């Protein structure tokens, strides 16, 4: 079980840690592990509203280019507001963003 939990931490670390912390309080590790497994594809196609722990912002530039922004990495992360009506989305992992055709922001 510990190996599976460790692999899951590579997918959505903040989400996995939040689930494990909550499970430890209830001593219900099997439910936590299932929730971690479910979170692996939490935003597989991009989410309109971000699930807990899924903070990658996918926005669309004025030219129509799709860029994703990672918290703590992208300089203008805090200034980006996701507008789902314009096709902008949230992602849990960089892999989800890349799989959906988004490019990592260079800013």
C-alpha atoms as a PDB file:
ATOM      1  CA  UNK A   1       0.000   0.000   0.000  1.00  0.00           C
ATOM      2  CA  UNK A   2       2.809   2.432   0.803  1.00  0.00           C
ATOM      3  CA  UNK A   3       4.316   1.992  -2.676  1.00  0.00           C
ATOM      4  CA  UNK A   4       0.979   2.714  -4.362  1.00  0.00           C
ATOM      5  CA  UNK A   5       0.486   5.784  -2.189  1.00  0.00           C
ATOM      6  CA  UNK A   6       3.985   7.023  -3.049  1.00  0.00           C
ATOM      7  CA  UNK A   7       3.337   6.621  -6.787  1.00  0.00           C
ATOM      8  CA  UNK A   8       0.087   8.515  -6.396  1.00  0.00           C
ATOM      9  CA  UNK A   9       1.933  11.423  -4.816  1.00  0.00           C
ATOM     10  CA  UNK A  10       3.702  11.956  -8.127  1.00  0.00           C
ATOM     11  CA  UNK A  11       0.389  12.627  -9.856  1.00  0.00           C
ATOM     12  CA  UNK A  12      -1.234  15.344  -7.745  1.00  0.00           C
ATOM     13  CA  UNK A  13       0.904  15.896  -4.632  1.00  0.00           C
ATOM     14  CA  UNK A  14      -1.172  18.534  -2.875  1.00  0.00           C
ATOM     15  CA  UNK A  15      -4.398  16.632  -3.447  1.00  0.00           C
ATOM     16  CA  UNK A  16      -2.868  13.317  -2.378  1.00  0.00           C
ATOM     17  CA  UNK A  17      -1.462  14.814   0.818  1.00  0.00           C
ATOM     18  CA  UNK A  18      -4.780  16.444   1.704  1.00  0.00           C
ATOM     19  CA  UNK A  19      -6.621  13.161   1.225  1.00  0.00           C
ATOM     20  CA  UNK A  20      -4.071  11.195   3.256  1.00  0.00           C
ATOM     21  CA  UNK A  21      -4.126  13.740   6.081  1.00  0.00           C
ATOM     22  CA  UNK A  22      -7.910  13.574   6.280  1.00  0.00           C
ATOM     23  CA  UNK A  23      -7.805   9.772   6.193  1.00  0.00           C
ATOM     24  CA  UNK A  24      -5.288   9.598   9.026  1.00  0.00           C
ATOM     25  CA  UNK A  25      -7.696  11.518  11.214  1.00  0.00           C
ATOM     26  CA  UNK A  26     -10.369   8.925  10.465  1.00  0.00           C
ATOM     27  CA  UNK A  27      -7.940   5.996  10.191  1.00  0.00           C
ATOM     28  CA  UNK A  28      -9.497   5.054   6.888  1.00  0.00           C
ATOM     29  CA  UNK A  29      -6.548   4.525   4.564  1.00  0.00           C
ATOM     30  CA  UNK A  30      -8.385   2.338   2.039  1.00  0.00           C
ATOM     31  CA  UNK A  31     -10.863   5.083   1.262  1.00  0.00           C
ATOM     32  CA  UNK A  32      -8.011   7.582   0.999  1.00  0.00           C
ATOM     33  CA  UNK A  33      -6.164   5.350  -1.449  1.00  0.00           C
ATOM     34  CA  UNK A  34      -9.274   5.052  -3.630  1.00  0.00           C
ATOM     35  CA  UNK A  35      -9.712   8.825  -3.608  1.00  0.00           C
ATOM     36  CA  UNK A  36      -6.078   9.261  -4.638  1.00  0.00           C
ATOM     37  CA  UNK A  37      -6.547   6.801  -7.490  1.00  0.00           C
ATOM     38  CA  UNK A  38      -9.682   8.692  -8.554  1.00  0.00           C
ATOM     39  CA  UNK A  39      -7.805  12.007  -8.438  1.00  0.00           C
ATOM     40  CA  UNK A  40      -5.284  10.835 -11.031  1.00  0.00           C
ATOM     41  CA  UNK A  41      -7.730  11.818 -13.742  1.00  0.00           C
ATOM     42  CA  UNK A  42      -9.545  14.537 -11.833  1.00  0.00           C
ATOM     43  CA  UNK A  43      -9.178  17.005 -14.726  1.00  0.00           C
ATOM     44  CA  UNK A  44      -8.293  14.657 -17.543  1.00  0.00           C
ATOM     45  CA  UNK A  45     -10.074  16.873 -20.087  1.00  0.00           C
ATOM     46  CA  UNK A  46      -9.660  20.098 -18.118  1.00  0.00           C
ATOM     47  CA  UNK A  47     -12.034  21.307 -15.413  1.00  0.00           C
ATOM     48  CA  UNK A  48     -14.263  24.363 -15.349  1.00  0.00           C
ATOM     49  CA  UNK A  49     -13.918  24.515 -11.546  1.00  0.00           C
ATOM     50  CA  UNK A  50     -10.675  23.324  -9.927  1.00  0.00           C
ATOM     51  CA  UNK A  51     -10.863  20.296  -7.607  1.00  0.00           C
ATOM     52  CA  UNK A  52      -8.885  20.684  -4.350  1.00  0.00           C
ATOM     53  CA  UNK A  53      -5.165  20.524  -5.009  1.00  0.00           C
ATOM     54  CA  UNK A  54      -5.512  21.146  -8.746  1.00  0.00           C
ATOM     55  CA  UNK A  55      -4.082  24.596  -9.330  1.00  0.00           C
ATOM     56  CA  UNK A  56      -2.672  24.567 -12.849  1.00  0.00           C
ATOM     57  CA  UNK A  57      -4.360  27.322 -14.843  1.00  0.00           C
ATOM     58  CA  UNK A  58      -4.912  26.884 -18.570  1.00  0.00           C
ATOM     59  CA  UNK A  59      -5.623  30.194 -20.238  1.00  0.00           C
ATOM     60  CA  UNK A  60      -5.973  31.264 -23.855  1.00  0.00           C
ATOM     61  CA  UNK A  61      -4.033  34.267 -25.155  1.00  0.00           C
ATOM     62  CA  UNK A  62      -5.506  37.009 -27.314  1.00  0.00           C
ATOM     63  CA  UNK A  63      -3.963  35.225 -30.313  1.00  0.00           C
ATOM     64  CA  UNK A  64      -5.701  31.981 -29.375  1.00  0.00           C
ATOM     65  CA  UNK A  65      -2.622  30.184 -28.014  1.00  0.00           C
ATOM     66  CA  UNK A  66      -3.230  27.842 -25.080  1.00  0.00           C
ATOM     67  CA  UNK A  67      -0.756  28.251 -22.220  1.00  0.00           C
ATOM     68  CA  UNK A  68      -0.775  26.657 -18.783  1.00  0.00           C
ATOM     69  CA  UNK A  69       0.596  28.280 -15.647  1.00  0.00           C
ATOM     70  CA  UNK A  70       1.961  26.437 -12.621  1.00  0.00           C
ATOM     71  CA  UNK A  71       1.605  27.917  -9.119  1.00  0.00           C
ATOM     72  CA  UNK A  72       4.937  28.989  -7.673  1.00  0.00           C
ATOM     73  CA  UNK A  73       6.584  28.777 -11.110  1.00  0.00           C
ATOM     74  CA  UNK A  74       4.728  31.117 -13.458  1.00  0.00           C
ATOM     75  CA  UNK A  75       5.521  34.767 -12.727  1.00  0.00           C
ATOM     76  CA  UNK A  76       2.023  36.078 -13.465  1.00  0.00           C
ATOM     77  CA  UNK A  77       0.109  33.110 -11.983  1.00  0.00           C
ATOM     78  CA  UNK A  78      -1.821  35.177  -9.434  1.00  0.00           C
ATOM     79  CA  UNK A  79      -2.982  37.668 -12.071  1.00  0.00           C
ATOM     80  CA  UNK A  80      -4.515  35.017 -14.324  1.00  0.00           C
ATOM     81  CA  UNK A  81      -8.268  34.561 -14.018  1.00  0.00           C
ATOM     82  CA  UNK A  82      -9.684  31.451 -15.675  1.00  0.00           C
ATOM     83  CA  UNK A  83     -12.705  32.165 -17.869  1.00  0.00           C
ATOM     84  CA  UNK A  84     -14.367  28.827 -18.686  1.00  0.00           C
ATOM     85  CA  UNK A  85     -16.792  30.457 -21.138  1.00  0.00           C
ATOM     86  CA  UNK A  86     -13.736  31.260 -23.312  1.00  0.00           C
ATOM     87  CA  UNK A  87     -12.536  27.649 -23.175  1.00  0.00           C
ATOM     88  CA  UNK A  88     -10.027  28.171 -20.383  1.00  0.00           C
ATOM     89  CA  UNK A  89      -9.575  25.275 -17.966  1.00  0.00           C
ATOM     90  CA  UNK A  90      -7.969  24.041 -14.749  1.00  0.00           C
ATOM     91  CA  UNK A  91      -5.671  21.009 -14.606  1.00  0.00           C
ATOM     92  CA  UNK A  92      -4.298  18.831 -11.804  1.00  0.00           C
ATOM     93  CA  UNK A  93      -1.063  17.877 -13.529  1.00  0.00           C
ATOM     94  CA  UNK A  94       1.154  19.261 -16.253  1.00  0.00           C
ATOM     95  CA  UNK A  95       0.620  15.984 -18.127  1.00  0.00           C
ATOM     96  CA  UNK A  96      -3.140  16.677 -18.275  1.00  0.00           C
ATOM     97  CA  UNK A  97      -2.500  20.140 -19.686  1.00  0.00           C
ATOM     98  CA  UNK A  98      -0.023  18.848 -22.261  1.00  0.00           C
ATOM     99  CA  UNK A  99      -2.316  15.982 -23.273  1.00  0.00           C
ATOM    100  CA  UNK A 100      -5.030  18.548 -23.999  1.00  0.00           C
ATOM    101  CA  UNK A 101      -2.838  20.654 -26.266  1.00  0.00           C
ATOM    102  CA  UNK A 102      -1.716  23.359 -23.820  1.00  0.00           C
ATOM    103  CA  UNK A 103       1.882  24.650 -23.752  1.00  0.00           C
ATOM    104  CA  UNK A 104       3.801  25.611 -20.623  1.00  0.00           C
ATOM    105  CA  UNK A 105       4.022  29.364 -20.220  1.00  0.00           C
ATOM    106  CA  UNK A 106       7.524  30.778 -20.512  1.00  0.00           C
ATOM    107  CA  UNK A 107       6.607  33.668 -18.216  1.00  0.00           C
END
